Amino acid sequence: MRQSLLDLIEKTIVYQYDLPNTTAGISKTIVSVDNDQCFKSIDKNDFTEIIYNSILEYSFNEFEIENKDYDKLHYIALQKRLKYNPDLDLDQKVKYGFLGEVVLFSVLYVLFKSQPLIARGYFYNPLENSETKGYDSYHLIENNNQTELWFGEVKFHKKYKTGIDSIFKNIDKAISDDYLKTNVFAISNQINNLHYKGSKIETVIKDWEENPYLSIIDELKQHNMKLVYPVMLLYEENDLGYDDSIKNIPKYIQEKYTANTFSITVDYSIFFILVPMKDVKLIKQEVIKWIELKKPLMS
């Protein structure tokens, strides 16, 4: 990642506290295994810059970007690495999923030190002309004894309830052996394009290709791999302030949903990354404006 972008992310998206937070009287969500983590967006313009610039790293592996013309690659990304139709009206464009996915990519990479396994741009198919399928992030953390597959999701809505309802509509599918297996198969189709070489997931894929009668899930368990499912919520901060905006999330989930038992046999974790902010719609509109103007990228 460009150092200028890395520095901007660290300066702009700032950690506040974990949930549960006894001082503020806020619990973590009823589905979270690990602590939820809460961040603050310090500057609206800088956050817009992060979205606009992160399109590049989200769409391409690092070696594809090095010593290249960033602005040309950015334009290529909008043509064939993510869904973007310049002919749509502004209200339709601000609904594009990549506006949140690039933030999830950047936060996992920079603030959680979770390396991208492969650029998500590889999974977009221009012929389908639809949002990229699968988990919203393909990252991992390699520890000595365990590989954590950080395969997450992000929702970027003005109303937090809309984002939460969308998450819980698919959460049972997302945290399941079947969905994890399907996504590993999708990654196996791009094995020559992996950004992170020599990982255990690469070993699992190659072993399966040599013996396709093996169970991918059993192989993941044999290699002591874990699914980490970070759920990022980007949403409008309310008039009562930051803490109250955070408190709304576990409260709403507890009122409307129950703690699930997921159909997954692989070791797993789930936690929320909460980022309430001001002017959600204006930020999205500004990103679209910069795209249309072909605003120069950070160097």
Protein backbone atom coordinates (compact mmCIF):
# COMPACT_ATOMS: atom_id res chain seq x y z
CA MET A 1 0.00 0.00 0.00
CA ARG A 2 1.17 3.54 -0.75
CA GLN A 3 2.70 5.06 2.36
CA SER A 4 0.67 8.25 1.91
CA LEU A 5 -2.57 6.27 1.99
CA LEU A 6 -1.43 4.14 4.92
CA ASP A 7 -0.59 7.27 6.92
CA LEU A 8 -3.94 8.85 6.05
CA ILE A 9 -5.85 5.78 7.25
CA GLU A 10 -3.99 5.69 10.57
CA LYS A 11 -4.61 9.41 11.07
CA THR A 12 -8.28 9.41 10.04
CA ILE A 13 -9.84 6.15 11.32
CA VAL A 14 -8.96 6.18 15.00
CA TYR A 15 -9.61 3.44 17.57
CA GLN A 16 -11.80 4.50 20.51
CA TYR A 17 -12.60 1.42 22.62
CA ASP A 18 -13.66 -2.21 22.70
CA LEU A 19 -17.09 -3.59 23.52
CA PRO A 20 -18.07 -4.51 26.11
CA ASN A 21 -17.24 -1.14 27.66
CA THR A 22 -18.29 -1.04 31.29
CA THR A 23 -17.40 2.65 31.69
CA ALA A 24 -19.80 3.68 28.93
CA GLY A 25 -22.29 0.96 29.86
CA ILE A 26 -22.24 -0.64 26.41
CA SER A 27 -22.26 -4.40 25.84
CA LYS A 28 -20.90 -6.22 22.82
CA THR A 29 -23.39 -7.75 20.38
CA ILE A 30 -25.06 -11.04 21.30
CA VAL A 31 -23.44 -12.79 18.31
CA SER A 32 -19.89 -11.50 18.78
CA VAL A 33 -17.28 -14.03 19.89
CA ASP A 34 -14.40 -11.59 20.21
CA ASN A 35 -14.77 -8.03 21.46
CA ASP A 36 -16.33 -5.54 19.07
CA GLN A 37 -14.07 -2.64 18.17
CA CYS A 38 -15.16 0.97 17.80
CA PHE A 39 -13.47 3.59 15.65
CA LYS A 40 -14.03 7.26 14.89
CA SER A 41 -13.73 9.03 11.56
CA ILE A 42 -11.78 12.21 12.35
CA ASP A 43 -12.17 14.15 9.10
CA LYS A 44 -14.83 13.88 6.40
CA ASN A 45 -12.59 14.93 3.51
CA ASP A 46 -9.81 12.55 4.55
CA PHE A 47 -12.30 9.69 4.84
CA THR A 48 -13.48 10.48 1.31
CA GLU A 49 -9.84 10.40 0.14
CA ILE A 50 -9.44 6.96 1.74
CA ILE A 51 -12.42 5.56 -0.17
CA TYR A 52 -11.40 7.14 -3.47
CA ASN A 53 -7.76 6.06 -3.26
CA SER A 54 -8.33 2.58 -1.79
CA ILE A 55 -10.15 1.55 -4.97
CA LEU A 56 -6.68 0.98 -6.42
CA GLU A 57 -5.33 -1.38 -3.74
CA TYR A 58 -8.71 -3.11 -3.45
CA SER A 59 -8.74 -3.85 -7.19
CA PHE A 60 -5.11 -4.84 -7.81
CA ASN A 61 -2.44 -6.85 -6.05
CA GLU A 62 0.50 -4.79 -4.85
CA PHE A 63 2.91 -6.05 -7.51
CA GLU A 64 0.49 -4.88 -10.23
CA ILE A 65 0.57 -1.32 -8.92
CA GLU A 66 4.30 -0.86 -8.39
CA ASN A 67 5.87 1.65 -10.79
CA LYS A 68 2.59 2.04 -12.71
CA ASP A 69 0.47 5.06 -13.54
CA TYR A 70 -1.98 5.16 -10.62
CA ASP A 71 -4.58 7.26 -12.40
CA LYS A 72 -4.72 4.94 -15.40
CA LEU A 73 -5.00 1.87 -13.17
CA HIS A 74 -7.76 3.57 -11.19
CA TYR A 75 -9.70 4.11 -14.41
CA ILE A 76 -9.11 0.48 -15.45
CA ALA A 77 -10.40 -0.67 -12.05
CA LEU A 78 -13.64 1.23 -12.61
CA GLN A 79 -13.99 -0.39 -16.02
CA LYS A 80 -13.32 -4.03 -15.22
CA ARG A 81 -12.47 -4.70 -11.56
CA LEU A 82 -15.68 -3.49 -9.86
CA LYS A 83 -19.24 -2.55 -10.74
CA TYR A 84 -19.52 1.06 -11.87
CA ASN A 85 -21.83 2.48 -14.52
CA PRO A 86 -21.20 6.19 -15.26
CA ASP A 87 -24.61 6.49 -16.95
CA LEU A 88 -26.61 5.83 -13.79
CA ASP A 89 -27.96 8.70 -11.71
CA LEU A 90 -26.28 9.74 -8.47
CA ASP A 91 -28.84 8.08 -6.18
CA GLN A 92 -28.08 4.71 -7.78
CA LYS A 93 -24.30 5.17 -7.75
CA VAL A 94 -24.12 5.87 -4.02
CA LYS A 95 -25.57 2.38 -3.41
CA TYR A 96 -22.54 0.60 -4.89
CA GLY A 97 -21.10 -1.96 -2.48
CA PHE A 98 -17.48 -1.19 -3.30
CA LEU A 99 -17.76 2.15 -1.49
CA GLY A 100 -17.77 0.22 1.77
CA GLU A 101 -15.66 -2.75 0.67
CA VAL A 102 -12.62 -0.58 -0.02
CA VAL A 103 -12.84 0.79 3.55
CA LEU A 104 -13.03 -2.74 4.99
CA PHE A 105 -9.99 -3.68 2.90
CA SER A 106 -8.00 -0.69 4.14
CA VAL A 107 -8.95 -1.04 7.80
CA LEU A 108 -8.17 -4.77 7.93
CA TYR A 109 -4.85 -4.23 6.15
CA VAL A 110 -3.64 -1.17 8.05
CA LEU A 111 -5.30 -1.22 11.48
CA PHE A 112 -5.65 -4.98 12.03
CA LYS A 113 -2.44 -6.01 10.20
CA SER A 114 -4.40 -8.59 8.21
CA GLN A 115 -2.70 -9.19 4.87
CA PRO A 116 -4.80 -9.38 1.69
CA LEU A 117 -4.69 -12.89 0.28
CA ILE A 118 -5.73 -11.65 -3.15
CA ALA A 119 -7.16 -8.42 -4.56
CA ARG A 120 -10.96 -8.58 -4.58
CA GLY A 121 -10.95 -7.09 -8.07
CA TYR A 122 -10.06 -10.52 -9.46
CA PHE A 123 -13.53 -11.78 -8.53
CA TYR A 124 -15.55 -9.24 -10.49
CA ASN A 125 -16.96 -10.47 -13.79
CA PRO A 126 -17.84 -7.65 -16.23
CA LEU A 127 -20.11 -10.02 -18.18
CA GLU A 128 -22.34 -10.48 -15.14
CA ASN A 129 -22.43 -6.73 -14.44
CA SER A 130 -23.33 -7.35 -10.81
CA GLU A 131 -21.75 -6.79 -7.41
CA THR A 132 -18.77 -9.02 -6.65
CA LYS A 133 -19.88 -12.31 -5.11
CA GLY A 134 -18.50 -13.95 -1.96
CA TYR A 135 -17.12 -12.50 1.24
CA ASP A 136 -16.27 -8.79 1.10
CA SER A 137 -12.67 -9.41 2.16
CA TYR A 138 -10.10 -12.14 1.57
CA HIS A 139 -7.38 -11.43 4.12
CA LEU A 140 -5.41 -13.61 6.49
CA ILE A 141 -3.13 -13.57 9.48
CA GLU A 142 -0.49 -16.28 9.72
CA ASN A 143 0.47 -17.16 13.27
CA ASN A 144 2.93 -19.89 14.17
CA ASN A 145 0.27 -22.45 14.99
CA GLN A 146 -2.83 -21.11 13.28
CA THR A 147 -3.91 -19.38 10.10
CA GLU A 148 -6.83 -16.99 10.48
CA LEU A 149 -8.89 -16.44 7.34
CA TRP A 150 -10.27 -12.91 7.71
CA PHE A 151 -13.25 -13.28 5.38
CA GLY A 152 -15.59 -10.45 6.34
CA GLU A 153 -18.49 -8.23 5.39
CA VAL A 154 -19.23 -4.51 5.35
CA LYS A 155 -22.38 -2.42 5.21
CA PHE A 156 -22.25 1.31 4.49
CA HIS A 157 -25.69 2.85 5.10
CA LYS A 158 -27.00 6.09 6.49
CA LYS A 159 -29.39 4.16 8.78
CA TYR A 160 -27.71 1.61 11.04
CA LYS A 161 -30.85 -0.54 11.19
CA THR A 162 -30.73 -1.02 7.42
CA GLY A 163 -27.14 -2.23 7.63
CA ILE A 164 -27.81 -4.59 10.53
CA ASP A 165 -30.91 -6.08 8.88
CA SER A 166 -28.90 -6.71 5.72
CA ILE A 167 -26.18 -8.46 7.72
CA PHE A 168 -28.57 -10.73 9.57
CA LYS A 169 -30.38 -11.63 6.37
CA ASN A 170 -27.30 -13.59 5.27
CA ILE A 171 -25.31 -14.26 8.43
CA ASP A 172 -26.36 -17.93 8.69
CA LYS A 173 -25.13 -18.52 5.15
CA ALA A 174 -21.91 -16.57 5.65
CA ILE A 175 -20.83 -18.49 8.75
CA SER A 176 -21.26 -22.01 7.42
CA ASP A 177 -19.09 -24.81 6.09
CA ASP A 178 -20.84 -24.66 2.70
CA TYR A 179 -20.21 -20.96 2.13
CA LEU A 180 -16.62 -21.16 3.35
CA LYS A 181 -15.99 -24.11 1.05
CA THR A 182 -17.52 -22.27 -1.92
CA ASN A 183 -15.31 -19.24 -1.32
CA VAL A 184 -12.18 -21.39 -1.03
CA PHE A 185 -13.11 -22.93 -4.39
CA ALA A 186 -13.45 -19.42 -5.84
CA ILE A 187 -9.99 -18.55 -4.52
CA SER A 188 -8.59 -21.78 -5.99
CA ASN A 189 -9.63 -20.54 -9.45
CA GLN A 190 -7.29 -17.58 -8.90
CA ILE A 191 -4.41 -19.43 -7.26
CA ASN A 192 -1.88 -18.03 -9.74
CA ASN A 193 -2.94 -14.52 -8.80
CA LEU A 194 -2.55 -14.77 -5.04
CA HIS A 195 -0.90 -11.75 -3.48
CA TYR A 196 0.13 -13.67 -0.37
CA LYS A 197 2.32 -16.61 -1.48
CA GLY A 198 3.24 -19.66 0.56
CA SER A 199 0.28 -19.56 2.95
CA LYS A 200 -1.42 -22.61 4.40
CA ILE A 201 -4.56 -21.88 2.39
CA GLU A 202 -2.46 -22.24 -0.75
CA THR A 203 -1.24 -25.62 0.54
CA VAL A 204 -4.83 -26.73 1.19
CA ILE A 205 -5.90 -25.74 -2.32
CA LYS A 206 -2.98 -27.52 -3.98
CA ASP A 207 -3.54 -30.67 -1.90
CA TRP A 208 -7.19 -30.67 -2.90
CA GLU A 209 -6.34 -30.23 -6.59
CA GLU A 210 -4.05 -33.26 -6.39
CA ASN A 211 -6.75 -35.26 -4.62
CA PRO A 212 -10.20 -33.69 -5.25
CA TYR A 213 -11.86 -36.44 -3.21
CA LEU A 214 -10.57 -34.72 -0.08
CA SER A 215 -12.94 -32.57 1.95
CA ILE A 216 -11.87 -28.93 1.83
CA ILE A 217 -13.39 -28.35 5.26
CA ASP A 218 -11.53 -31.32 6.75
CA GLU A 219 -8.32 -30.01 5.21
CA LEU A 220 -8.87 -26.57 6.75
CA LYS A 221 -9.37 -28.18 10.15
CA GLN A 222 -6.36 -30.44 9.71
CA HIS A 223 -4.20 -27.37 9.06
CA ASN A 224 -5.67 -25.66 12.16
CA MET A 225 -7.29 -22.84 10.20
CA LYS A 226 -9.86 -20.48 11.62
CA LEU A 227 -12.56 -18.33 10.00
CA VAL A 228 -12.54 -14.78 11.38
CA TYR A 229 -15.66 -12.92 10.28
CA PRO A 230 -15.26 -9.17 10.90
CA VAL A 231 -18.46 -7.25 10.25
CA MET A 232 -17.91 -3.57 9.56
CA LEU A 233 -20.77 -1.10 9.98
CA LEU A 234 -20.32 2.40 8.56
CA TYR A 235 -23.34 4.53 9.47
CA GLU A 236 -24.59 7.98 10.41
CA GLU A 237 -23.77 9.20 13.90
CA ASN A 238 -26.91 10.43 15.65
CA ASP A 239 -27.51 13.79 17.31
CA LEU A 240 -26.86 12.41 20.82
CA GLY A 241 -23.23 11.74 19.94
CA TYR A 242 -20.69 8.99 19.42
CA ASP A 243 -21.30 6.77 22.46
CA ASP A 244 -25.04 6.75 21.93
CA SER A 245 -24.51 5.82 18.27
CA ILE A 246 -22.35 2.88 19.35
CA LYS A 247 -24.84 1.77 22.01
CA ASN A 248 -27.60 1.55 19.40
CA ILE A 249 -25.93 -1.37 17.62
CA PRO A 250 -25.87 -4.11 20.32
CA LYS A 251 -29.20 -2.81 21.63
CA TYR A 252 -30.98 -3.13 18.27
CA ILE A 253 -29.47 -6.56 17.58
CA GLN A 254 -30.57 -7.86 20.98
CA GLU A 255 -34.09 -6.49 20.54
CA LYS A 256 -34.63 -7.95 17.07
CA TYR A 257 -32.44 -11.04 16.78
CA THR A 258 -31.31 -14.06 18.77
CA ALA A 259 -27.83 -15.48 19.20
CA ASN A 260 -27.37 -17.94 16.36
CA THR A 261 -25.96 -21.44 16.30
CA PHE A 262 -24.08 -21.50 13.03
CA SER A 263 -23.65 -24.49 10.71
CA ILE A 264 -19.89 -24.42 10.79
CA THR A 265 -17.42 -26.99 12.11
CA VAL A 266 -14.27 -24.96 11.49
CA ASP A 267 -13.07 -22.87 14.42
CA TYR A 268 -14.54 -19.38 13.95
CA SER A 269 -14.90 -15.93 15.42
CA ILE A 270 -17.18 -13.00 14.67
CA PHE A 271 -16.91 -9.40 15.82
CA PHE A 272 -18.16 -5.99 14.73
CA ILE A 273 -16.09 -3.01 13.60
CA LEU A 274 -18.26 0.04 14.27
CA VAL A 275 -17.60 3.41 12.64
CA PRO A 276 -20.33 6.00 13.15
CA MET A 277 -19.68 9.19 11.19
CA LYS A 278 -21.20 12.41 10.00
CA ASP A 279 -22.54 13.02 6.47
CA VAL A 280 -22.61 9.44 5.12
CA LYS A 281 -24.54 10.41 1.99
CA LEU A 282 -22.37 13.46 1.30
CA ILE A 283 -19.19 11.36 1.58
CA LYS A 284 -20.51 8.86 -0.97
CA GLN A 285 -21.63 11.64 -3.29
CA GLU A 286 -18.21 13.28 -3.08
CA VAL A 287 -16.46 10.02 -4.01
CA ILE A 288 -18.73 9.69 -7.07
CA LYS A 289 -18.00 13.31 -7.99
CA TRP A 290 -14.24 12.67 -7.81
CA ILE A 291 -14.62 9.55 -9.95
CA GLU A 292 -16.48 11.52 -12.60
CA LEU A 293 -13.87 14.30 -12.49
CA LYS A 294 -10.98 11.77 -12.58
CA LYS A 295 -9.42 13.48 -9.59
CA PRO A 296 -5.66 12.67 -9.40
CA LEU A 297 -4.74 10.01 -6.86
CA MET A 298 -2.35 10.37 -3.96
CA SER A 299 1.20 9.44 -4.86
